[in-house]
Amino acid sequence: MVLKTELWKPNVEDSPHGKKVKAIATSLYETFQIVEIAEKIKSCNLPGRRSHDIQNVIIEAALKLGFKDEKKGLFATYEVSGLRPDYFLDLNGEGIIFEVERGKTLINNMDILDLWKCHLCTHANFLFLAVPQILQQNESEVKSGKGAKVYETVCRRMRTFFKEGTYTNVNGLVIFGY
């Protein structure tokens, strides 16, 4: 079962854009709950698999909602090359960046990089982030049922940015734990 945590700046969740973003997040969440899709995602969250494998499972749902795959040009005004989101949905200038992570979420702080990308992007104020609930990097972790608690850690880290005094340009964040 996929989990979902929503983080919002004050007064954003009930704004027109917030309501639209929330509806899109709910639609994605419901799609992730479909047994066939949930099983495919689960089979991609195994040692040796990549975030791209999970993207291949959810791309159809994302495209149906209007997301564009790896939209280029969103960061053209910055001196940082190679930045692009996994998915982007334009909502009249307050779009959504949607990132799917797996093995490097915590090890390389990809969750923080994704928040930073959304913070920099003048076309997006909302971030969707899909991360494993538990990351198992080898067969012994699979057999023992142990692994890194990625979803729990990401939720804890991201809450920091939605407390008064630590706000970024990201108005809302939805974290999906697969």
Foldseek 3Di string as FASTA:
>chain_A
DKDKDKFFAPPQCPDPVNVVVVVLVVQLVVVCPPPVLVVQLVVQQDAPHFLVSNCVSCVVVCVVVPKDAFDPDQQVVDPDPDDTARIWHADPQAIEGEHGGEDCCPVVVVLVVQVVSQLRGRRHQAYEYEYACFHDHDDVCVVVVHGDRRQVVSVVVVVQCRDPPNDGSRRMYMYMHD
